[in-house]
Amino acid sequence: MNKMTIPHQKQTKLWAVIPAAGSGRRFSATDLKQYQIIQNKTVLEHSIERLSVLPLAGYVLAIAADDDVAQNLALVLKKKAHFCQGGAERVYSVLNALNYLSKIASDEDWVLVHDAARPCVSPSCLETLYQQAIEHQQSAILAIPVRDTLKRVVQAPQITETVSREQLWQAQTPQIAQLGLLKSALEQAIADQVLITDEASALEHIQAPVQVITGRADNIKITYPSDLDLARLILQAQQ
């Protein structure tokens, strides 16, 4: 991939955080989805390679304490790779990585948080996300409008009601925010015992504005074993 050149403002830097400490229980009881192989590379390597088209100052991988794989991979921009211990849940992994970054980065620096198992994000989406965040000086996420009919099921298998999909968007990653703001938002949400499923939900909790940038349907997250086959097809088509 060709490196994108995007002008910085106020000399701020861009960093990436990749939470990769999850157990992936929905994928397999024994195998980690980020270490499955596609085209002779792990899913994690693909995901990081996608981010490398942006002018990253560095990236932090939050990994499990017993992970003996990540640091031995042939990661792109290996000299810019940092590692920290992840947490029991995604939100703690991201916060640990932000605490690590706080020692080497400025609160005004921008941070992209990207799923370890989302290897198909397109360079054009990454460029647009970053440009819009910088231009508007506002946090942003990739997302796509919900297209399918949604059903609420209170007690399976019976349908309770059909939920309107109007105004609903499906969140993706990366999600971008300034380091200090995102760190404070996560800390506040945890203190308030708010359910945090992505970074935007923490920012929403403290009423910080977050803009939606239209992504693409092929930016899939590998969650189930069948998703691997789909990711293979997408990566092949994108080439």
C-alpha atoms as a PDB file:
ATOM      1  CA  MET A   1       0.000   0.000   0.000  1.00  0.00           C
ATOM      2  CA  ASN A   2       1.105   3.543  -0.665  1.00  0.00           C
ATOM      3  CA  LYS A   3       1.653   5.719   2.361  1.00  0.00           C
ATOM      4  CA  MET A   4      -0.881   8.525   2.692  1.00  0.00           C
ATOM      5  CA  THR A   5       0.370  12.002   3.429  1.00  0.00           C
ATOM      6  CA  ILE A   6      -2.110  13.956   5.504  1.00  0.00           C
ATOM      7  CA  PRO A   7      -1.217  17.397   6.881  1.00  0.00           C
ATOM      8  CA  HIS A   8      -1.047  17.721  10.656  1.00  0.00           C
ATOM      9  CA  GLN A   9      -2.395  20.670  12.591  1.00  0.00           C
ATOM     10  CA  LYS A  10      -0.745  22.140  15.676  1.00  0.00           C
ATOM     11  CA  GLN A  11       2.049  19.554  15.387  1.00  0.00           C
ATOM     12  CA  THR A  12      -0.150  16.870  16.874  1.00  0.00           C
ATOM     13  CA  LYS A  13       0.755  13.246  16.225  1.00  0.00           C
ATOM     14  CA  LEU A  14      -1.348  10.246  15.313  1.00  0.00           C
ATOM     15  CA  TRP A  15      -1.142   7.008  17.281  1.00  0.00           C
ATOM     16  CA  ALA A  16      -3.048   3.740  17.067  1.00  0.00           C
ATOM     17  CA  VAL A  17      -4.296   1.428  19.793  1.00  0.00           C
ATOM     18  CA  ILE A  18      -5.178  -2.176  19.026  1.00  0.00           C
ATOM     19  CA  PRO A  19      -6.868  -4.074  21.900  1.00  0.00           C
ATOM     20  CA  ALA A  20      -5.854  -7.696  21.353  1.00  0.00           C
ATOM     21  CA  ALA A  21      -6.235  -9.329  24.754  1.00  0.00           C
ATOM     22  CA  GLY A  22      -9.720 -10.753  24.321  1.00  0.00           C
ATOM     23  CA  SER A  23     -10.433 -14.452  24.577  1.00  0.00           C
ATOM     24  CA  GLY A  24     -12.600 -14.549  21.440  1.00  0.00           C
ATOM     25  CA  ARG A  25     -15.047 -16.998  23.036  1.00  0.00           C
ATOM     26  CA  ARG A  26     -17.583 -16.585  20.235  1.00  0.00           C
ATOM     27  CA  PHE A  27     -14.930 -17.588  17.730  1.00  0.00           C
ATOM     28  CA  SER A  28     -13.472 -20.608  19.513  1.00  0.00           C
ATOM     29  CA  ALA A  29     -12.905 -21.908  22.999  1.00  0.00           C
ATOM     30  CA  THR A  30      -9.234 -22.545  22.208  1.00  0.00           C
ATOM     31  CA  ASP A  31      -8.189 -20.460  19.182  1.00  0.00           C
ATOM     32  CA  LEU A  32      -7.757 -16.684  19.096  1.00  0.00           C
ATOM     33  CA  LYS A  33      -9.308 -15.042  16.039  1.00  0.00           C
ATOM     34  CA  GLN A  34      -6.539 -12.438  15.689  1.00  0.00           C
ATOM     35  CA  TYR A  35      -3.993 -15.212  15.092  1.00  0.00           C
ATOM     36  CA  GLN A  36      -5.871 -17.070  12.371  1.00  0.00           C
ATOM     37  CA  ILE A  37      -4.066 -17.138   9.028  1.00  0.00           C
ATOM     38  CA  ILE A  38      -5.237 -15.423   5.845  1.00  0.00           C
ATOM     39  CA  GLN A  39      -2.891 -15.195   2.858  1.00  0.00           C
ATOM     40  CA  ASN A  40       0.113 -16.298   4.922  1.00  0.00           C
ATOM     41  CA  LYS A  41      -0.426 -13.573   7.536  1.00  0.00           C
ATOM     42  CA  THR A  42      -2.310 -13.472  10.793  1.00  0.00           C
ATOM     43  CA  VAL A  43      -5.497 -11.441  10.984  1.00  0.00           C
ATOM     44  CA  LEU A  44      -3.696  -9.104  13.397  1.00  0.00           C
ATOM     45  CA  GLU A  45      -0.892  -8.482  10.897  1.00  0.00           C
ATOM     46  CA  HIS A  46      -3.441  -7.595   8.227  1.00  0.00           C
ATOM     47  CA  SER A  47      -5.250  -5.208  10.581  1.00  0.00           C
ATOM     48  CA  ILE A  48      -2.055  -3.368  11.522  1.00  0.00           C
ATOM     49  CA  GLU A  49      -0.873  -3.271   7.922  1.00  0.00           C
ATOM     50  CA  ARG A  50      -4.079  -1.460   6.968  1.00  0.00           C
ATOM     51  CA  LEU A  51      -3.432   1.238   9.574  1.00  0.00           C
ATOM     52  CA  SER A  52       0.148   1.706   8.368  1.00  0.00           C
ATOM     53  CA  VAL A  53      -1.033   3.726   5.357  1.00  0.00           C
ATOM     54  CA  LEU A  54      -1.598   6.603   7.807  1.00  0.00           C
ATOM     55  CA  PRO A  55       1.273   8.688   9.229  1.00  0.00           C
ATOM     56  CA  LEU A  56       1.449   6.870  12.553  1.00  0.00           C
ATOM     57  CA  ALA A  57       3.886   8.037  15.191  1.00  0.00           C
ATOM     58  CA  GLY A  58       3.488   4.576  16.705  1.00  0.00           C
ATOM     59  CA  TYR A  59       0.955   1.995  17.792  1.00  0.00           C
ATOM     60  CA  VAL A  60       0.228   0.141  21.015  1.00  0.00           C
ATOM     61  CA  LEU A  61      -0.937  -3.456  21.174  1.00  0.00           C
ATOM     62  CA  ALA A  62      -2.734  -4.368  24.395  1.00  0.00           C
ATOM     63  CA  ILE A  63      -2.166  -8.111  24.742  1.00  0.00           C
ATOM     64  CA  ALA A  64      -2.825 -10.819  27.306  1.00  0.00           C
ATOM     65  CA  ALA A  65      -0.171 -11.458  29.938  1.00  0.00           C
ATOM     66  CA  ASP A  66       0.441 -14.952  28.589  1.00  0.00           C
ATOM     67  CA  ASP A  67       0.505 -13.935  24.913  1.00  0.00           C
ATOM     68  CA  ASP A  68       3.726 -15.251  23.392  1.00  0.00           C
ATOM     69  CA  VAL A  69       2.749 -14.627  19.766  1.00  0.00           C
ATOM     70  CA  ALA A  70       2.241 -10.916  19.110  1.00  0.00           C
ATOM     71  CA  GLN A  71       5.767  -9.718  19.851  1.00  0.00           C
ATOM     72  CA  ASN A  72       7.248 -12.358  17.550  1.00  0.00           C
ATOM     73  CA  LEU A  73       5.144 -11.514  14.500  1.00  0.00           C
ATOM     74  CA  ALA A  74       6.599  -9.756  11.456  1.00  0.00           C
ATOM     75  CA  LEU A  75       4.527  -6.647  12.137  1.00  0.00           C
ATOM     76  CA  VAL A  76       4.679  -3.740   9.726  1.00  0.00           C
ATOM     77  CA  LEU A  77       6.467  -0.680  11.171  1.00  0.00           C
ATOM     78  CA  LYS A  78       7.857  -2.975  13.873  1.00  0.00           C
ATOM     79  CA  LYS A  79      10.077  -0.197  15.229  1.00  0.00           C
ATOM     80  CA  LYS A  80       6.940   1.815  15.998  1.00  0.00           C
ATOM     81  CA  ALA A  81       5.258  -1.056  17.852  1.00  0.00           C
ATOM     82  CA  HIS A  82       4.666  -0.817  21.600  1.00  0.00           C
ATOM     83  CA  PHE A  83       3.116  -3.428  23.869  1.00  0.00           C
ATOM     84  CA  CYS A  84       1.187  -3.232  27.107  1.00  0.00           C
ATOM     85  CA  GLN A  85      -0.859  -5.678  29.138  1.00  0.00           C
ATOM     86  CA  GLY A  86      -4.508  -5.820  28.234  1.00  0.00           C
ATOM     87  CA  GLY A  87      -7.466  -6.103  30.554  1.00  0.00           C
ATOM     88  CA  ALA A  88     -10.270  -8.566  31.166  1.00  0.00           C
ATOM     89  CA  GLU A  89     -12.555  -6.501  28.914  1.00  0.00           C
ATOM     90  CA  ARG A  90     -11.940  -4.330  25.860  1.00  0.00           C
ATOM     91  CA  VAL A  91     -12.494  -1.060  27.717  1.00  0.00           C
ATOM     92  CA  TYR A  92      -9.702  -1.887  30.184  1.00  0.00           C
ATOM     93  CA  SER A  93      -7.337  -2.904  27.389  1.00  0.00           C
ATOM     94  CA  VAL A  94      -7.899   0.404  25.630  1.00  0.00           C
ATOM     95  CA  LEU A  95      -7.483   2.372  28.863  1.00  0.00           C
ATOM     96  CA  ASN A  96      -4.252   0.518  29.674  1.00  0.00           C
ATOM     97  CA  ALA A  97      -2.932   1.411  26.221  1.00  0.00           C
ATOM     98  CA  LEU A  98      -3.920   5.055  26.669  1.00  0.00           C
ATOM     99  CA  ASN A  99      -2.173   5.153  30.041  1.00  0.00           C
ATOM    100  CA  TYR A 100       0.920   3.765  28.324  1.00  0.00           C
ATOM    101  CA  LEU A 101       0.657   6.384  25.573  1.00  0.00           C
ATOM    102  CA  SER A 102       0.266   9.186  28.116  1.00  0.00           C
ATOM    103  CA  LYS A 103       3.908   8.669  29.048  1.00  0.00           C
ATOM    104  CA  ILE A 104       5.186   9.267  25.505  1.00  0.00           C
ATOM    105  CA  ALA A 105       2.460  11.328  23.817  1.00  0.00           C
ATOM    106  CA  SER A 106       0.541  14.565  24.305  1.00  0.00           C
ATOM    107  CA  ASP A 107      -3.069  14.808  25.446  1.00  0.00           C
ATOM    108  CA  GLU A 108      -3.739  16.713  22.202  1.00  0.00           C
ATOM    109  CA  ASP A 109      -2.410  13.877  20.035  1.00  0.00           C
ATOM    110  CA  TRP A 110      -4.966  11.844  18.100  1.00  0.00           C
ATOM    111  CA  VAL A 111      -5.548   8.159  18.769  1.00  0.00           C
ATOM    112  CA  LEU A 112      -7.129   5.614  16.447  1.00  0.00           C
ATOM    113  CA  VAL A 113      -8.601   2.593  18.227  1.00  0.00           C
ATOM    114  CA  HIS A 114      -9.000  -0.370  15.898  1.00  0.00           C
ATOM    115  CA  ASP A 115     -10.216  -3.931  16.398  1.00  0.00           C
ATOM    116  CA  ALA A 116      -7.477  -6.542  16.117  1.00  0.00           C
ATOM    117  CA  ALA A 117      -9.852  -8.738  14.118  1.00  0.00           C
ATOM    118  CA  ARG A 118     -10.971  -6.158  11.554  1.00  0.00           C
ATOM    119  CA  PRO A 119      -8.472  -6.684   8.700  1.00  0.00           C
ATOM    120  CA  CYS A 120     -10.441  -5.337   5.729  1.00  0.00           C
ATOM    121  CA  VAL A 121     -10.825  -1.605   6.452  1.00  0.00           C
ATOM    122  CA  SER A 122     -10.107   0.343   3.268  1.00  0.00           C
ATOM    123  CA  PRO A 123      -7.390   3.002   2.878  1.00  0.00           C
ATOM    124  CA  SER A 124      -9.970   5.490   1.581  1.00  0.00           C
ATOM    125  CA  CYS A 125     -12.095   5.105   4.735  1.00  0.00           C
ATOM    126  CA  LEU A 126      -9.036   5.553   6.936  1.00  0.00           C
ATOM    127  CA  GLU A 127      -8.020   8.694   5.075  1.00  0.00           C
ATOM    128  CA  THR A 128     -11.497  10.214   5.266  1.00  0.00           C
ATOM    129  CA  LEU A 129     -11.869   9.397   8.968  1.00  0.00           C
ATOM    130  CA  TYR A 130      -8.572  11.035   9.865  1.00  0.00           C
ATOM    131  CA  GLN A 131      -9.074  14.063   7.632  1.00  0.00           C
ATOM    132  CA  GLN A 132     -12.553  14.754   9.024  1.00  0.00           C
ATOM    133  CA  ALA A 133     -11.383  14.461  12.630  1.00  0.00           C
ATOM    134  CA  ILE A 134      -8.519  16.885  12.019  1.00  0.00           C
ATOM    135  CA  GLU A 135     -10.592  19.308   9.953  1.00  0.00           C
ATOM    136  CA  HIS A 136     -13.434  19.519  12.468  1.00  0.00           C
ATOM    137  CA  GLN A 137     -11.276  18.928  15.566  1.00  0.00           C
ATOM    138  CA  GLN A 138     -13.830  16.375  16.684  1.00  0.00           C
ATOM    139  CA  SER A 139     -13.927  12.695  17.533  1.00  0.00           C
ATOM    140  CA  ALA A 140     -15.236  10.417  14.807  1.00  0.00           C
ATOM    141  CA  ILE A 141     -16.072   6.813  14.008  1.00  0.00           C
ATOM    142  CA  LEU A 142     -16.614   4.741  10.898  1.00  0.00           C
ATOM    143  CA  ALA A 143     -20.166   3.401  10.679  1.00  0.00           C
ATOM    144  CA  ILE A 144     -22.736   2.279   8.120  1.00  0.00           C
ATOM    145  CA  PRO A 145     -26.520   2.741   8.107  1.00  0.00           C
ATOM    146  CA  VAL A 146     -28.419  -0.338   9.271  1.00  0.00           C
ATOM    147  CA  ARG A 147     -29.926  -2.028   6.208  1.00  0.00           C
ATOM    148  CA  ASP A 148     -31.604  -5.146   7.613  1.00  0.00           C
ATOM    149  CA  THR A 149     -34.955  -5.366   9.349  1.00  0.00           C
ATOM    150  CA  LEU A 150     -34.405  -5.487  13.113  1.00  0.00           C
ATOM    151  CA  LYS A 151     -36.419  -7.669  15.501  1.00  0.00           C
ATOM    152  CA  ARG A 152     -36.604  -7.402  19.268  1.00  0.00           C
ATOM    153  CA  VAL A 153     -36.748 -10.825  20.944  1.00  0.00           C
ATOM    154  CA  VAL A 154     -37.315 -10.597  24.680  1.00  0.00           C
ATOM    155  CA  GLN A 155     -37.803 -14.325  25.153  1.00  0.00           C
ATOM    156  CA  ALA A 156     -36.495 -16.518  22.340  1.00  0.00           C
ATOM    157  CA  PRO A 157     -37.648 -17.746  19.942  1.00  0.00           C
ATOM    158  CA  GLN A 158     -40.717 -15.483  19.822  1.00  0.00           C
ATOM    159  CA  ILE A 159     -40.464 -12.038  18.190  1.00  0.00           C
ATOM    160  CA  THR A 160     -41.598  -9.214  20.458  1.00  0.00           C
ATOM    161  CA  GLU A 161     -41.601  -6.433  17.891  1.00  0.00           C
ATOM    162  CA  THR A 162     -39.969  -4.992  14.795  1.00  0.00           C
ATOM    163  CA  VAL A 163     -37.569  -2.165  15.608  1.00  0.00           C
ATOM    164  CA  SER A 164     -37.365   0.810  13.282  1.00  0.00           C
ATOM    165  CA  ARG A 165     -33.962   0.999  11.615  1.00  0.00           C
ATOM    166  CA  GLU A 166     -34.456   4.672  10.751  1.00  0.00           C
ATOM    167  CA  GLN A 167     -31.599   6.757  12.186  1.00  0.00           C
ATOM    168  CA  LEU A 168     -29.696   3.609  13.264  1.00  0.00           C
ATOM    169  CA  TRP A 169     -26.061   3.094  12.288  1.00  0.00           C
ATOM    170  CA  GLN A 170     -23.797   0.091  12.808  1.00  0.00           C
ATOM    171  CA  ALA A 171     -20.547   1.193  14.439  1.00  0.00           C
ATOM    172  CA  GLN A 172     -17.193   0.033  13.097  1.00  0.00           C
ATOM    173  CA  THR A 173     -13.563   0.796  13.825  1.00  0.00           C
ATOM    174  CA  PRO A 174     -11.274   2.636  13.722  1.00  0.00           C
ATOM    175  CA  GLN A 175     -12.665   5.234  16.077  1.00  0.00           C
ATOM    176  CA  ILE A 176     -10.617   8.382  16.615  1.00  0.00           C
ATOM    177  CA  ALA A 177     -10.357  10.916  19.431  1.00  0.00           C
ATOM    178  CA  GLN A 178      -7.743  13.007  21.161  1.00  0.00           C
ATOM    179  CA  LEU A 179      -5.776  11.104  23.766  1.00  0.00           C
ATOM    180  CA  GLY A 180      -6.648  13.184  26.815  1.00  0.00           C
ATOM    181  CA  LEU A 181     -10.336  13.381  25.994  1.00  0.00           C
ATOM    182  CA  LEU A 182     -10.724   9.665  25.329  1.00  0.00           C
ATOM    183  CA  LYS A 183      -8.789   8.686  28.437  1.00  0.00           C
ATOM    184  CA  SER A 184     -10.963  10.944  30.616  1.00  0.00           C
ATOM    185  CA  ALA A 185     -14.146   9.630  28.998  1.00  0.00           C
ATOM    186  CA  LEU A 186     -13.233   6.000  29.635  1.00  0.00           C
ATOM    187  CA  GLU A 187     -12.227   6.713  33.223  1.00  0.00           C
ATOM    188  CA  GLN A 188     -15.494   8.555  33.887  1.00  0.00           C
ATOM    189  CA  ALA A 189     -17.621   5.842  32.278  1.00  0.00           C
ATOM    190  CA  ILE A 190     -15.903   3.137  34.323  1.00  0.00           C
ATOM    191  CA  ALA A 191     -16.352   5.152  37.525  1.00  0.00           C
ATOM    192  CA  ASP A 192     -20.048   5.581  36.699  1.00  0.00           C
ATOM    193  CA  GLN A 193     -20.378   1.857  35.926  1.00  0.00           C
ATOM    194  CA  VAL A 194     -21.678   2.569  32.431  1.00  0.00           C
ATOM    195  CA  LEU A 195     -21.659  -0.249  29.879  1.00  0.00           C
ATOM    196  CA  ILE A 196     -18.985   0.646  27.327  1.00  0.00           C
ATOM    197  CA  THR A 197     -19.018  -1.352  24.098  1.00  0.00           C
ATOM    198  CA  ASP A 198     -16.902   1.019  22.050  1.00  0.00           C
ATOM    199  CA  GLU A 199     -14.950   4.249  22.492  1.00  0.00           C
ATOM    200  CA  ALA A 200     -17.769   6.405  21.140  1.00  0.00           C
ATOM    201  CA  SER A 201     -20.110   5.204  23.881  1.00  0.00           C
ATOM    202  CA  ALA A 202     -17.705   6.542  26.516  1.00  0.00           C
ATOM    203  CA  LEU A 203     -17.481   9.885  24.716  1.00  0.00           C
ATOM    204  CA  GLU A 204     -21.267  10.007  24.442  1.00  0.00           C
ATOM    205  CA  HIS A 205     -21.494   9.421  28.200  1.00  0.00           C
ATOM    206  CA  ILE A 206     -19.581  12.630  28.917  1.00  0.00           C
ATOM    207  CA  GLN A 207     -21.545  14.386  26.144  1.00  0.00           C
ATOM    208  CA  ALA A 208     -18.502  14.918  23.931  1.00  0.00           C
ATOM    209  CA  PRO A 209     -19.556  15.254  20.274  1.00  0.00           C
ATOM    210  CA  VAL A 210     -18.743  12.356  17.952  1.00  0.00           C
ATOM    211  CA  GLN A 211     -19.273  12.471  14.206  1.00  0.00           C
ATOM    212  CA  VAL A 212     -20.192   9.520  12.022  1.00  0.00           C
ATOM    213  CA  ILE A 213     -18.130   8.917   8.887  1.00  0.00           C
ATOM    214  CA  THR A 214     -19.759   6.583   6.391  1.00  0.00           C
ATOM    215  CA  GLY A 215     -17.723   3.407   6.125  1.00  0.00           C
ATOM    216  CA  ARG A 216     -18.082   0.328   3.945  1.00  0.00           C
ATOM    217  CA  ALA A 217     -19.888  -2.952   4.427  1.00  0.00           C
ATOM    218  CA  ASP A 218     -16.707  -4.918   3.692  1.00  0.00           C
ATOM    219  CA  ASN A 219     -15.044  -3.575   6.869  1.00  0.00           C
ATOM    220  CA  ILE A 220     -16.117  -6.704   8.722  1.00  0.00           C
ATOM    221  CA  LYS A 221     -15.089  -7.828  12.177  1.00  0.00           C
ATOM    222  CA  ILE A 222     -14.153 -11.482  12.456  1.00  0.00           C
ATOM    223  CA  THR A 223     -16.352 -12.819  15.236  1.00  0.00           C
ATOM    224  CA  TYR A 224     -17.343 -16.332  14.138  1.00  0.00           C
ATOM    225  CA  PRO A 225     -15.329 -18.990  12.253  1.00  0.00           C
ATOM    226  CA  SER A 226     -17.407 -18.453   9.101  1.00  0.00           C
ATOM    227  CA  ASP A 227     -16.257 -14.812   9.045  1.00  0.00           C
ATOM    228  CA  LEU A 228     -12.752 -15.988   8.154  1.00  0.00           C
ATOM    229  CA  ASP A 229     -13.911 -17.246   4.775  1.00  0.00           C
ATOM    230  CA  LEU A 230     -15.660 -13.954   4.091  1.00  0.00           C
ATOM    231  CA  ALA A 231     -12.549 -11.984   5.090  1.00  0.00           C
ATOM    232  CA  ARG A 232     -10.467 -14.087   2.702  1.00  0.00           C
ATOM    233  CA  LEU A 233     -12.803 -13.257  -0.147  1.00  0.00           C
ATOM    234  CA  ILE A 234     -12.872  -9.553   0.700  1.00  0.00           C
ATOM    235  CA  LEU A 235      -9.088  -9.264   0.931  1.00  0.00           C
ATOM    236  CA  GLN A 236      -8.702 -11.083  -2.371  1.00  0.00           C
ATOM    237  CA  ALA A 237     -11.239  -8.797  -4.041  1.00  0.00           C
ATOM    238  CA  GLN A 238      -9.603  -5.660  -2.621  1.00  0.00           C
ATOM    239  CA  GLN A 239      -6.271  -6.636  -4.134  1.00  0.00           C
END
